[in-house]
Protein backbone atom coordinates (compact mmCIF):
# COMPACT_ATOMS: atom_id res chain seq x y z
CA MET A 1 -90.28 -195.30 -2.09
CA VAL A 2 -91.55 -197.64 -4.79
CA THR A 3 -92.43 -194.06 -6.81
CA LEU A 4 -88.34 -192.91 -6.35
CA LEU A 5 -87.23 -196.46 -7.92
CA GLY A 6 -89.72 -196.40 -10.96
CA ALA A 7 -88.34 -192.87 -11.78
CA LEU A 8 -84.81 -194.24 -11.64
CA VAL A 9 -85.75 -196.66 -13.69
CA VAL A 10 -87.16 -194.78 -16.19
CA ALA A 11 -84.38 -192.70 -16.36
CA ASP A 12 -82.13 -195.50 -16.86
CA ASN A 13 -84.16 -196.81 -19.74
CA LEU A 14 -83.69 -193.76 -21.07
CA ARG A 15 -80.11 -193.64 -21.10
CA ASP A 16 -79.67 -196.85 -22.41
CA ASP A 17 -81.92 -197.35 -25.19
CA PRO A 18 -80.59 -195.25 -28.05
CA GLU A 19 -83.98 -195.37 -30.09
CA ALA A 20 -86.09 -194.59 -27.10
CA ASN A 21 -83.77 -191.23 -26.44
CA ASP A 22 -84.17 -190.56 -30.40
CA ALA A 23 -88.33 -190.97 -29.98
CA SER A 24 -87.88 -188.69 -27.03
CA ALA A 25 -86.19 -186.29 -28.92
CA ARG A 26 -88.10 -186.34 -32.36
CA ALA A 27 -91.30 -185.62 -29.64
CA ASP A 28 -89.67 -182.70 -28.67
CA GLY A 29 -89.01 -181.45 -32.22
CA ALA A 30 -85.30 -182.15 -32.42
CA GLN A 31 -83.44 -184.04 -35.39
CA PRO A 32 -81.95 -187.83 -34.75
CA ALA A 33 -78.38 -187.34 -34.03
CA GLY A 34 -75.68 -187.66 -37.22
CA PRO A 35 -73.30 -186.24 -39.34
CA THR A 36 -75.56 -183.07 -40.32
CA ALA A 37 -77.18 -183.20 -37.15
CA ALA A 38 -77.81 -180.17 -35.10
CA PRO A 39 -76.58 -180.32 -31.46
CA ALA A 40 -79.29 -182.18 -29.52
CA PRO A 41 -81.22 -179.93 -26.79
CA PRO A 42 -80.21 -181.07 -23.04
CA GLN A 43 -82.31 -184.28 -21.74
CA ARG A 44 -85.42 -183.66 -20.22
CA VAL A 45 -85.49 -184.76 -17.00
CA LEU A 46 -88.91 -186.75 -16.04
CA PRO A 47 -90.83 -185.42 -12.96
CA GLY A 48 -89.86 -187.19 -9.94
CA THR A 49 -86.34 -188.18 -11.42
CA VAL A 50 -83.70 -187.74 -8.50
CA LEU A 51 -80.31 -186.47 -10.25
CA LEU A 52 -77.08 -187.50 -8.41
CA ARG A 53 -74.20 -184.51 -8.52
CA GLU A 54 -70.51 -185.08 -9.34
CA PRO A 55 -68.67 -185.09 -6.03
CA LYS A 56 -66.67 -181.68 -5.72
CA PRO A 57 -62.57 -182.76 -6.25
CA PRO A 58 -61.18 -182.32 -2.38
CA LYS A 59 -59.53 -178.73 -1.54
CA PRO A 60 -55.87 -178.92 -1.42
CA PRO A 61 -54.36 -179.95 1.81
CA LYS A 62 -52.89 -176.76 3.70
CA PRO A 63 -49.39 -176.76 4.40
CA GLU A 64 -48.33 -178.54 8.02
CA GLY A 65 -46.30 -176.82 10.09
CA PRO A 66 -44.39 -173.26 9.54
CA VAL A 67 -43.63 -171.92 6.28
CA LEU A 68 -40.13 -171.81 6.52
CA VAL A 69 -37.37 -170.43 3.70
CA GLU A 70 -34.36 -171.30 2.21
CA PRO A 71 -30.99 -169.69 4.03
CA GLY A 72 -30.69 -166.23 2.20
CA THR A 73 -27.58 -164.28 1.84
CA GLY A 74 -28.15 -161.00 1.70
CA ARG A 75 -27.51 -158.46 -0.92
CA VAL A 76 -24.69 -156.41 -2.33
CA GLY A 77 -24.47 -153.08 -3.54
CA SER A 78 -27.31 -151.88 -1.55
CA GLY A 79 -27.86 -148.56 -0.25
CA LEU A 80 -25.65 -146.55 -2.56
CA ARG A 81 -28.05 -143.91 -3.05
CA VAL A 82 -30.07 -142.31 -0.16
CA GLY A 83 -33.89 -143.70 -0.33
CA PRO A 84 -35.74 -146.53 1.65
CA LEU A 85 -35.97 -150.34 1.31
CA GLU A 86 -39.01 -150.92 -0.94
CA SER A 87 -39.57 -154.66 -0.78
CA VAL A 88 -38.59 -158.01 0.17
CA GLU A 89 -39.59 -161.20 -1.19
CA ALA A 90 -40.01 -163.41 2.24
CA PRO A 91 -43.37 -164.67 3.88
CA ILE A 92 -45.41 -162.98 6.63
CA GLY A 93 -44.25 -164.91 9.99
CA PRO A 94 -46.64 -166.07 12.70
CA ALA A 95 -47.03 -163.78 15.88
CA VAL A 96 -43.71 -164.58 17.86
CA GLN A 97 -44.10 -165.96 20.83
CA GLY A 98 -41.64 -165.75 24.14
CA THR A 99 -38.51 -163.41 25.04
CA VAL A 100 -35.78 -162.38 22.61
CA THR A 101 -32.74 -160.59 23.84
CA THR A 102 -30.57 -157.73 21.97
CA ALA A 103 -27.47 -156.15 22.74
CA VAL A 104 -26.39 -152.82 21.09
CA ALA A 105 -23.22 -151.06 21.15
CA ASN A 106 -20.80 -148.51 19.62
CA LEU A 107 -17.18 -150.17 19.12
CA PRO A 108 -14.94 -147.45 18.02
CA ASN A 109 -12.27 -148.39 15.32
CA ARG A 110 -9.35 -147.07 17.73
CA THR A 111 -10.40 -149.81 19.99
CA SER A 112 -7.30 -151.90 20.40
CA ALA A 113 -8.12 -155.14 19.26
CA GLY A 114 -7.69 -156.68 23.10
CA GLY A 115 -10.29 -154.19 23.84
CA PHE A 116 -12.68 -155.13 20.95
CA ALA A 117 -12.27 -158.93 21.68
CA THR A 118 -13.29 -158.29 25.38
CA SER A 119 -15.84 -156.10 24.57
CA MET A 120 -17.30 -158.78 22.51
CA ARG A 121 -17.37 -161.30 24.79
CA THR A 122 -18.96 -159.16 27.36
CA LEU A 123 -21.84 -158.85 24.56
CA THR A 124 -22.47 -162.19 23.92
CA SER A 125 -22.10 -163.33 27.61
CA ALA A 126 -26.21 -162.90 27.88
CA ALA A 127 -26.50 -165.46 25.20
CA PRO A 128 -28.56 -162.61 22.92
CA ASP A 129 -30.54 -163.52 19.88
CA PHE A 130 -29.34 -160.34 18.32
CA VAL A 131 -26.26 -158.01 18.68
CA MET A 132 -26.20 -154.54 16.82
CA LEU A 133 -22.89 -152.56 16.36
CA ASN A 134 -21.76 -149.29 15.25
CA GLU A 135 -18.53 -147.69 14.22
CA VAL A 136 -17.08 -151.08 13.33
CA SER A 137 -15.59 -150.75 9.42
CA SER A 138 -12.13 -151.64 10.47
CA ARG A 139 -13.53 -155.10 11.73
CA GLY A 140 -14.10 -157.81 9.29
CA ASP A 141 -16.84 -159.98 9.13
CA ASP A 142 -14.67 -163.21 10.00
CA GLU A 143 -13.49 -161.43 12.65
CA LEU A 144 -16.93 -160.69 14.38
CA ARG A 145 -17.35 -164.15 13.94
CA ALA A 146 -14.14 -165.57 15.51
CA LEU A 147 -15.06 -163.52 18.55
CA ALA A 148 -18.61 -164.08 18.98
CA PRO A 149 -18.83 -168.32 18.26
CA GLY A 150 -22.24 -169.45 17.42
CA TYR A 151 -22.99 -165.90 16.13
CA ASP A 152 -23.60 -165.41 12.17
CA ALA A 153 -23.02 -161.34 10.54
CA TYR A 154 -24.08 -159.49 8.13
CA ARG A 155 -23.30 -156.07 6.15
CA ASP A 156 -23.79 -155.18 2.75
CA PRO A 157 -19.94 -156.21 1.16
CA GLN A 158 -19.77 -153.67 -0.96
CA ALA A 159 -18.20 -149.98 -0.45
CA ASP A 160 -19.47 -146.81 -1.08
CA ARG A 161 -17.25 -144.75 -3.12
CA SER A 162 -18.72 -141.59 -2.77
CA GLU A 163 -17.34 -138.73 -0.71
CA GLY A 164 -18.76 -139.31 2.55
CA GLY A 165 -19.55 -143.40 1.97
CA PHE A 166 -16.91 -144.47 3.93
CA GLN A 167 -19.36 -144.77 6.78
CA ALA A 168 -21.15 -147.33 4.70
CA MET A 169 -19.16 -150.19 6.48
CA ASN A 170 -19.61 -149.07 9.85
CA ASN A 171 -22.89 -151.03 11.33
CA ALA A 172 -23.23 -154.77 11.27
CA VAL A 173 -26.23 -156.93 12.27
CA MET A 174 -25.19 -160.27 14.61
CA TRP A 175 -27.54 -163.09 15.42
CA ASP A 176 -27.50 -166.52 17.27
CA ALA A 177 -26.99 -169.28 14.08
CA ASP A 178 -28.47 -172.20 16.20
CA ARG A 179 -31.89 -170.27 16.92
CA TRP A 180 -31.97 -167.72 13.85
CA THR A 181 -31.75 -168.29 10.08
CA LEU A 182 -31.14 -165.27 7.47
CA VAL A 183 -33.97 -164.42 5.10
CA ASP A 184 -32.72 -161.44 3.39
CA ALA A 185 -30.43 -158.33 4.06
CA GLY A 186 -29.47 -155.26 3.05
CA ARG A 187 -28.29 -151.24 3.52
CA VAL A 188 -30.11 -148.27 3.32
CA LYS A 189 -28.39 -144.83 2.98
CA LEU A 190 -30.27 -142.27 5.48
CA VAL A 191 -28.00 -139.01 4.49
CA GLU A 192 -26.12 -138.19 1.80
CA ASP A 193 -23.30 -135.55 2.28
CA ASP A 194 -24.00 -134.40 6.06
CA GLY A 195 -21.24 -131.24 6.01
CA SER A 196 -20.19 -130.53 9.76
CA TYR A 197 -17.03 -130.09 11.91
CA TYR A 198 -15.03 -132.90 13.58
CA GLN A 199 -12.45 -131.47 16.09
CA GLY A 200 -12.88 -128.55 14.35
CA ARG A 201 -12.13 -129.61 10.80
CA PRO A 202 -14.71 -130.01 8.27
CA VAL A 203 -15.79 -133.30 7.23
CA VAL A 204 -18.27 -134.88 5.34
CA TRP A 205 -20.31 -137.97 6.62
CA ASP A 206 -22.74 -140.17 5.09
CA ARG A 207 -25.00 -142.02 7.12
CA PHE A 208 -26.49 -145.50 6.84
CA ALA A 209 -28.52 -148.54 8.20
CA MET A 210 -27.52 -151.99 7.95
CA TRP A 211 -30.71 -154.12 8.23
CA ALA A 212 -31.46 -158.22 8.34
CA MET A 213 -34.44 -160.22 8.38
CA LEU A 214 -34.17 -163.67 10.53
CA GLN A 215 -36.39 -166.44 10.86
CA ARG A 216 -36.70 -168.74 13.65
CA ALA A 217 -37.51 -172.86 13.69
CA ASP A 218 -41.21 -171.84 14.41
CA GLY A 219 -41.56 -169.74 11.47
CA ALA A 220 -41.62 -166.35 13.23
CA ILE A 221 -40.01 -163.47 11.46
CA VAL A 222 -37.90 -160.78 13.69
CA SER A 223 -36.22 -158.06 11.69
CA ILE A 224 -33.16 -156.28 12.82
CA VAL A 225 -31.96 -152.70 12.07
CA SER A 226 -28.27 -151.44 13.21
CA THR A 227 -27.62 -147.64 12.44
CA HIS A 228 -25.63 -144.90 13.43
CA MET A 229 -27.51 -141.22 12.97
CA MET A 230 -25.62 -137.64 12.20
CA THR A 231 -23.47 -136.39 15.14
CA ASN A 232 -26.42 -134.14 17.05
CA PRO A 233 -27.30 -131.22 14.99
CA ALA A 234 -28.95 -129.37 17.97
CA LYS A 235 -25.41 -129.50 19.39
CA TYR A 236 -23.32 -128.87 16.19
CA PRO A 237 -25.38 -126.99 14.05
CA ARG A 238 -22.59 -125.95 12.03
CA GLN A 239 -21.95 -126.59 8.00
CA PRO A 240 -19.05 -125.45 5.99
CA GLY A 241 -19.99 -123.90 2.53
CA GLY A 242 -23.44 -122.78 1.67
CA ALA A 243 -25.53 -125.64 2.81
CA ARG A 244 -29.08 -125.61 1.39
CA GLN A 245 -30.49 -127.45 4.53
CA SER A 246 -30.06 -127.26 7.90
CA ARG A 247 -28.50 -130.39 9.82
CA VAL A 248 -31.56 -130.69 11.73
CA ALA A 249 -34.02 -130.81 8.55
CA ARG A 250 -31.69 -133.50 7.18
CA TYR A 251 -31.46 -135.48 10.52
CA SER A 252 -35.02 -135.68 10.36
CA ALA A 253 -35.17 -136.45 6.65
CA GLY A 254 -32.67 -139.25 7.43
CA MET A 255 -35.02 -140.77 10.01
CA ASP A 256 -37.90 -140.72 7.82
CA VAL A 257 -36.20 -143.04 5.04
CA LEU A 258 -35.72 -145.14 8.39
CA LEU A 259 -39.02 -145.18 9.25
CA ASP A 260 -39.79 -146.08 5.64
CA THR A 261 -37.66 -149.19 5.71
CA VAL A 262 -39.26 -150.34 8.87
CA ASP A 263 -42.65 -150.21 7.36
CA THR A 264 -41.84 -152.30 4.75
CA LEU A 265 -39.75 -155.00 7.34
CA ALA A 266 -42.65 -154.68 9.23
CA ALA A 267 -45.04 -155.90 6.87
CA HIS A 268 -43.28 -159.60 7.59
CA GLY A 269 -43.07 -159.28 11.62
CA PRO A 270 -41.79 -157.26 14.36
CA VAL A 271 -38.79 -155.03 13.87
CA LEU A 272 -36.02 -153.85 16.33
CA VAL A 273 -33.91 -150.81 15.50
CA GLY A 274 -31.20 -149.84 17.73
CA GLY A 275 -27.86 -147.66 17.66
CA ASP A 276 -25.73 -144.49 18.50
CA MET A 277 -28.96 -141.97 17.74
CA ASN A 278 -26.89 -138.84 18.59
CA SER A 279 -30.00 -137.10 19.85
CA HIS A 280 -32.03 -136.94 23.02
CA PRO A 281 -35.97 -136.85 23.36
CA GLY A 282 -36.49 -133.38 24.72
CA GLN A 283 -34.41 -131.85 21.72
CA GLY A 284 -37.19 -131.41 19.25
CA PRO A 285 -39.93 -133.30 16.85
CA TRP A 286 -36.88 -134.36 14.92
CA THR A 287 -35.14 -136.51 17.10
CA ALA A 288 -35.13 -139.98 16.95
CA ALA A 289 -36.82 -140.80 20.12
CA ALA A 290 -39.79 -138.03 18.76
CA LYS A 291 -40.03 -140.05 15.23
CA MET A 292 -40.10 -143.82 16.65
CA THR A 293 -42.71 -142.64 19.18
CA SER A 294 -44.83 -141.11 16.64
CA ALA A 295 -44.63 -144.00 14.63
CA GLY A 296 -46.09 -146.15 17.51
CA PHE A 297 -42.56 -147.18 18.96
CA GLY A 298 -41.41 -147.53 22.45
CA TYR A 299 -37.78 -147.70 23.41
CA ALA A 300 -35.02 -148.69 25.96
CA LYS A 301 -31.63 -146.71 26.38
CA ASP A 302 -28.62 -145.61 27.99
CA ARG A 303 -28.24 -142.64 29.95
CA ALA A 304 -27.29 -140.83 26.83
CA VAL A 305 -27.42 -141.68 23.40
CA MET A 306 -27.75 -145.43 22.72
CA TYR A 307 -31.25 -147.18 21.91
CA LEU A 308 -33.11 -149.79 21.09
CA PHE A 309 -36.55 -149.24 19.64
CA HIS A 310 -39.52 -151.76 19.44
CA GLN A 311 -43.24 -151.89 18.75
CA ALA A 312 -45.07 -150.21 21.64
CA ASP A 313 -47.09 -153.36 22.72
CA VAL A 314 -43.72 -155.54 23.61
CA GLU A 315 -42.74 -155.56 26.90
CA VAL A 316 -39.16 -154.75 28.14
CA VAL A 317 -38.95 -157.31 30.90
CA ASP A 318 -35.02 -156.77 31.56
CA HIS A 319 -32.98 -154.06 30.58
CA ARG A 320 -29.39 -153.00 31.78
CA GLU A 321 -26.12 -151.18 30.59
CA VAL A 322 -23.11 -152.95 30.36
CA ARG A 323 -19.53 -151.56 30.23
CA VAL A 324 -17.29 -152.44 27.00
CA ASP A 325 -14.28 -150.57 25.35
CA SER A 326 -16.14 -147.72 24.07
CA ASP A 327 -17.21 -143.84 24.48
CA HIS A 328 -20.90 -145.20 25.30
CA PRO A 329 -21.87 -148.10 27.51
CA ALA A 330 -23.45 -150.64 25.55
CA ILE A 331 -27.03 -151.67 26.19
CA VAL A 332 -28.84 -155.39 26.70
CA THR A 333 -32.19 -155.74 26.92
CA THR A 334 -34.46 -158.82 27.39
CA LEU A 335 -38.37 -158.20 25.34
CA ASP A 336 -41.27 -160.33 25.88
CA MET A 337 -42.45 -160.46 22.06
CA SER A 338 -45.95 -162.61 23.12
CA GLY A 339 -48.17 -161.95 20.13
CA GLN A 340 -46.14 -159.37 18.25
CA GLY A 341 -46.78 -160.27 14.41
CA PRO A 342 -46.87 -158.21 11.16
CA SER A 343 -48.33 -154.71 10.97
């Protein structure tokens, strides 16, 4: 202890006495400090001296609670050309805990106002977190909200003026506004100029998907995709004119655009895809079921072509068909999301 204190005293004296410091410097061959002097070498440390380090600055505190973002409004004019969603500026959500319930329905534009209103009450009676709608281009967003109190709705508001673009407004996503907040949303064009026949007459229809990224109060993020795929190309392969691509190939390419969009959204949290897919699992590798299964998704469906796709690790805890005013039953599905996060 005496030796240590003595070393500290010596070091203190050298620091406080300028002449002693100069003498020490001269003994090492350096010149005294002055206007023309060279920079002094580092101070010599005497044997036994204890050097005290400067304390490190404290690390900034980690943010408390979930990372929440300001409510978004979605995009305008997206999905006017074929191609997937490429990026979303949003946080990466934590694993989603608990269950979520979805409703998926095709409610054709020919449905009467009364039938549509009754169908909307049926869909929301189970208090689903999310609702995915097809063939609702004649119904405005305000009408959707009025018929589903407590729910908000999104679809890209800009019409597609191309030949088959009237289908651009056919899909909508809705969510329980008390439980979920919109982060971002938009539209993707999956198929352009699909020429086929409908009731014996030639038609040209594009195909789209509407997506919405939603966040819960605990920071969890789930993305919802509502889509309506081409009429079944295995059942209706005929095309007017000299098309260079078969309808099966066109359907398959549209599913690839959808899967690329899902990959972009999945980087932030789980993705649920629902809608009228117009194909059956056993028809080939081009079908929605085959494409989504190969990408690691499971699904729940009706007895025909209405699907809800979810990541394979998600468990279906309840699933049922619901009668609505449509040529398709709606499906209402509850999923156990526990532990499913970004991928």
